Amino acid sequence: MSVLLNKPKTMVDIYRLLPEGTPIEVIRNRFYMSPSPNFNHFEVAKSIFKALDAFAEENNAGTVCYAPVDVFLGDNNAVQPDVFFISKENQNLINADGVYGAPDIVVEVLLPKNKNADLVKKKAEYEKFGVKEYFIVEPSDKAVITYYLQGEKYIEKKSYWPAGKQTVEENIPLLAGAMVWPASFFWGRTIAKNLLW
């Protein structure tokens, strides 16, 4: 019989005791089950990761990660963003057991049964802890909601485009010198480089 030497004080402490791979996140000291992503979610998240990772690698800009990697925000949050970017200047946040602190960019791909977590709960924590750019991708209607941190508050910008069109451009300011078409998240276009704004 095993004995806990240190009694858990928070849900994050309990989270650390769970078997690896348990589909749970901790938001505001509460457990939230994460449903398994469907194949469309996987394809969209993969496309986003590949585009951002290729640019970050080519420009030595930082590290792009994808779930499941734990991101610890304070003592009461342990989340696993679908895709996130940590700039070269913030590599000290990366530890063997996860990331401690706010990534520079977070991308969440919505799941039909779990939208509230990304749209409300996680958004509030990302804003509070200083994630500079937060992208919410809605595969069902091919929309991207973008939030840019100004001071301590997010400024929202929402972009829609019809299926099959690739004409809407969206900046990711933190990756200087890059311009991303959010439609590439759905149709596999790569980042257009060397376009400044």
Protein backbone atom coordinates (compact mmCIF):
# COMPACT_ATOMS: atom_id res chain seq x y z
CA MET A 1 0.00 0.00 0.00
CA SER A 2 1.45 3.34 -1.07
CA VAL A 3 1.24 6.40 1.15
CA LEU A 4 1.17 9.99 -0.04
CA LEU A 5 3.87 11.90 1.80
CA ASN A 6 2.50 15.25 0.70
CA LYS A 7 -1.25 15.72 0.68
CA PRO A 8 -2.44 17.31 -2.60
CA LYS A 9 -3.52 20.91 -2.10
CA THR A 10 -4.90 21.68 -5.54
CA MET A 11 -6.49 19.83 -8.44
CA VAL A 12 -3.22 20.29 -10.33
CA ASP A 13 -1.49 18.34 -7.55
CA ILE A 14 -4.04 15.54 -8.03
CA TYR A 15 -3.65 15.79 -11.81
CA ARG A 16 0.06 15.05 -11.45
CA LEU A 17 -0.82 11.78 -9.70
CA LEU A 18 -3.08 10.52 -12.49
CA PRO A 19 -1.87 7.95 -15.04
CA GLU A 20 -0.07 9.51 -17.99
CA GLY A 21 -2.44 10.20 -20.86
CA THR A 22 -5.57 10.68 -18.74
CA PRO A 23 -7.83 12.91 -20.91
CA ILE A 24 -8.32 15.64 -18.30
CA GLU A 25 -7.38 19.28 -18.08
CA VAL A 26 -7.47 21.51 -15.00
CA ILE A 27 -9.03 24.94 -15.42
CA ARG A 28 -9.51 27.21 -12.42
CA ASN A 29 -8.83 24.31 -10.06
CA ARG A 30 -11.55 22.10 -11.58
CA PHE A 31 -11.24 18.95 -13.67
CA TYR A 32 -12.60 18.96 -17.24
CA MET A 33 -12.73 15.81 -19.33
CA SER A 34 -11.40 16.24 -22.84
CA PRO A 35 -13.30 14.21 -25.45
CA SER A 36 -11.21 12.39 -28.02
CA PRO A 37 -10.80 14.54 -31.13
CA ASN A 38 -12.47 13.44 -34.35
CA PHE A 39 -10.48 12.94 -37.54
CA ASN A 40 -11.34 16.38 -38.95
CA HIS A 41 -10.04 18.00 -35.76
CA PHE A 42 -6.82 16.02 -36.11
CA GLU A 43 -6.35 17.05 -39.76
CA VAL A 44 -6.93 20.75 -39.04
CA ALA A 45 -4.63 20.77 -36.01
CA LYS A 46 -1.95 18.92 -38.00
CA SER A 47 -2.14 21.46 -40.83
CA ILE A 48 -1.75 24.35 -38.39
CA PHE A 49 1.17 22.70 -36.62
CA LYS A 50 3.01 21.90 -39.84
CA ALA A 51 2.66 25.45 -41.19
CA LEU A 52 3.76 27.18 -38.00
CA ASP A 53 6.52 24.68 -37.27
CA ALA A 54 8.00 25.00 -40.76
CA PHE A 55 8.17 28.78 -40.41
CA ALA A 56 9.56 28.68 -36.87
CA GLU A 57 12.24 26.16 -37.88
CA GLU A 58 13.28 28.04 -40.99
CA ASN A 59 13.55 31.34 -39.13
CA ASN A 60 14.87 30.02 -35.82
CA ALA A 61 11.92 31.78 -34.18
CA GLY A 62 11.16 29.34 -31.39
CA THR A 63 9.37 26.08 -30.64
CA VAL A 64 5.97 24.91 -31.90
CA CYS A 65 4.28 22.14 -29.89
CA TYR A 66 1.06 20.17 -30.17
CA ALA A 67 -1.16 18.28 -27.73
CA PRO A 68 -0.76 16.48 -25.47
CA VAL A 69 1.87 18.67 -23.81
CA ASP A 70 1.01 20.07 -20.39
CA VAL A 71 0.99 23.83 -20.01
CA PHE A 72 0.86 24.96 -16.38
CA LEU A 73 -0.58 28.42 -15.83
CA GLY A 74 -0.19 29.31 -12.15
CA ASP A 75 -1.15 26.78 -9.49
CA ASN A 76 -4.68 26.05 -10.69
CA ASN A 77 -4.43 25.35 -14.42
CA ALA A 78 -2.96 22.45 -16.38
CA VAL A 79 -4.10 22.61 -20.01
CA GLN A 80 -3.08 20.99 -23.28
CA PRO A 81 -3.54 23.43 -26.17
CA ASP A 82 -3.95 21.85 -29.60
CA VAL A 83 -1.01 23.86 -30.99
CA PHE A 84 1.18 26.48 -29.33
CA PHE A 85 4.30 28.51 -30.00
CA ILE A 86 7.03 29.54 -27.57
CA SER A 87 9.41 32.20 -28.82
CA LYS A 88 13.16 31.84 -28.68
CA GLU A 89 13.23 34.37 -25.86
CA ASN A 90 10.89 32.25 -23.70
CA GLN A 91 12.51 28.82 -24.06
CA ASN A 92 13.14 28.81 -20.30
CA LEU A 93 9.42 28.00 -19.87
CA ILE A 94 10.02 24.52 -21.29
CA ASN A 95 10.76 21.77 -18.77
CA ALA A 96 10.93 17.99 -19.01
CA ASP A 97 7.40 17.57 -17.62
CA GLY A 98 5.72 20.44 -19.47
CA VAL A 99 5.63 24.18 -20.02
CA TYR A 100 5.48 26.49 -17.00
CA GLY A 101 4.04 29.82 -18.05
CA ALA A 102 2.17 31.33 -20.97
CA PRO A 103 3.09 30.38 -24.54
CA ASP A 104 3.33 33.31 -26.94
CA ILE A 105 0.69 31.88 -29.31
CA VAL A 106 -2.05 29.33 -28.64
CA VAL A 107 -4.33 27.72 -31.23
CA GLU A 108 -7.37 25.70 -30.16
CA VAL A 109 -9.46 23.72 -32.66
CA LEU A 110 -13.04 23.48 -31.45
CA LEU A 111 -14.76 20.19 -30.78
CA PRO A 112 -18.59 20.07 -30.99
CA LYS A 113 -18.97 18.75 -27.43
CA ASN A 114 -16.34 20.93 -25.77
CA LYS A 115 -16.64 24.44 -27.22
CA ASN A 116 -17.31 26.21 -23.94
CA ALA A 117 -13.92 25.24 -22.53
CA ASP A 118 -12.04 26.94 -25.39
CA LEU A 119 -14.40 29.88 -25.97
CA VAL A 120 -14.86 30.90 -22.35
CA LYS A 121 -12.87 29.09 -19.67
CA LYS A 122 -9.51 28.69 -21.41
CA LYS A 123 -9.78 32.09 -23.09
CA ALA A 124 -10.11 33.77 -19.70
CA GLU A 125 -7.04 31.98 -18.36
CA TYR A 126 -4.97 32.61 -21.47
CA GLU A 127 -5.83 36.30 -21.20
CA LYS A 128 -5.10 36.41 -17.46
CA PHE A 129 -1.70 34.72 -17.76
CA GLY A 130 -0.57 36.68 -20.82
CA VAL A 131 -0.87 34.51 -23.93
CA LYS A 132 -0.20 37.22 -26.52
CA GLU A 133 -2.16 35.72 -29.43
CA TYR A 134 -5.02 33.25 -29.19
CA PHE A 135 -6.60 31.65 -32.25
CA ILE A 136 -9.85 29.66 -32.04
CA VAL A 137 -10.52 27.58 -35.15
CA GLU A 138 -14.05 26.36 -35.93
CA PRO A 139 -13.80 23.58 -38.53
CA SER A 140 -17.58 23.27 -39.04
CA ASP A 141 -17.97 26.70 -40.66
CA LYS A 142 -14.30 27.37 -41.43
CA ALA A 143 -14.06 30.39 -39.16
CA VAL A 144 -11.14 31.67 -37.13
CA ILE A 145 -11.59 33.93 -34.12
CA THR A 146 -8.41 35.75 -33.20
CA TYR A 147 -7.53 37.52 -29.98
CA TYR A 148 -4.55 39.83 -29.57
CA LEU A 149 -3.45 40.88 -26.09
CA GLN A 150 -3.36 44.64 -25.67
CA GLY A 151 -2.33 45.57 -22.17
CA GLU A 152 -4.11 42.97 -20.04
CA LYS A 153 -7.15 42.47 -22.28
CA TYR A 154 -7.85 40.64 -25.51
CA ILE A 155 -8.98 42.50 -28.61
CA GLU A 156 -11.13 40.23 -30.78
CA LYS A 157 -11.09 39.93 -34.53
CA LYS A 158 -13.26 37.36 -36.33
CA SER A 159 -12.75 36.17 -39.87
CA TYR A 160 -15.07 34.07 -42.04
CA TRP A 161 -14.64 32.79 -45.50
CA PRO A 162 -16.66 30.52 -47.77
CA ALA A 163 -15.60 26.93 -48.20
CA GLY A 164 -12.95 26.59 -50.86
CA LYS A 165 -11.90 30.26 -50.82
CA GLN A 166 -8.42 31.32 -49.74
CA THR A 167 -8.65 35.08 -50.00
CA VAL A 168 -8.81 36.18 -46.36
CA GLU A 169 -5.42 37.07 -44.89
CA GLU A 170 -4.70 37.03 -41.17
CA ASN A 171 -1.54 38.25 -39.51
CA ILE A 172 0.31 36.53 -36.73
CA PRO A 173 2.32 39.53 -35.53
CA LEU A 174 4.58 37.57 -33.18
CA LEU A 175 6.06 35.64 -36.09
CA ALA A 176 7.56 38.73 -37.68
CA GLY A 177 7.98 38.46 -41.42
CA ALA A 178 5.22 35.86 -41.78
CA MET A 179 1.72 36.27 -43.05
CA VAL A 180 -0.72 33.42 -42.63
CA TRP A 181 -3.87 32.70 -44.54
CA PRO A 182 -6.19 31.09 -41.98
CA ALA A 183 -7.77 29.19 -44.86
CA SER A 184 -4.53 27.24 -44.99
CA PHE A 185 -5.63 25.65 -41.74
CA PHE A 186 -8.29 23.86 -43.80
CA TRP A 187 -6.79 23.48 -47.27
CA GLY A 188 -3.13 22.91 -46.49
CA ARG A 189 -1.63 26.13 -47.86
CA THR A 190 1.74 27.03 -46.45
CA ILE A 191 2.79 30.28 -44.85
CA ALA A 192 3.67 33.03 -47.29
CA LYS A 193 7.04 34.33 -46.17
CA ASN A 194 8.79 37.67 -46.49
CA LEU A 195 5.58 39.68 -46.46
CA LEU A 196 5.84 42.47 -43.94
CA TRP A 197 3.07 44.72 -42.68
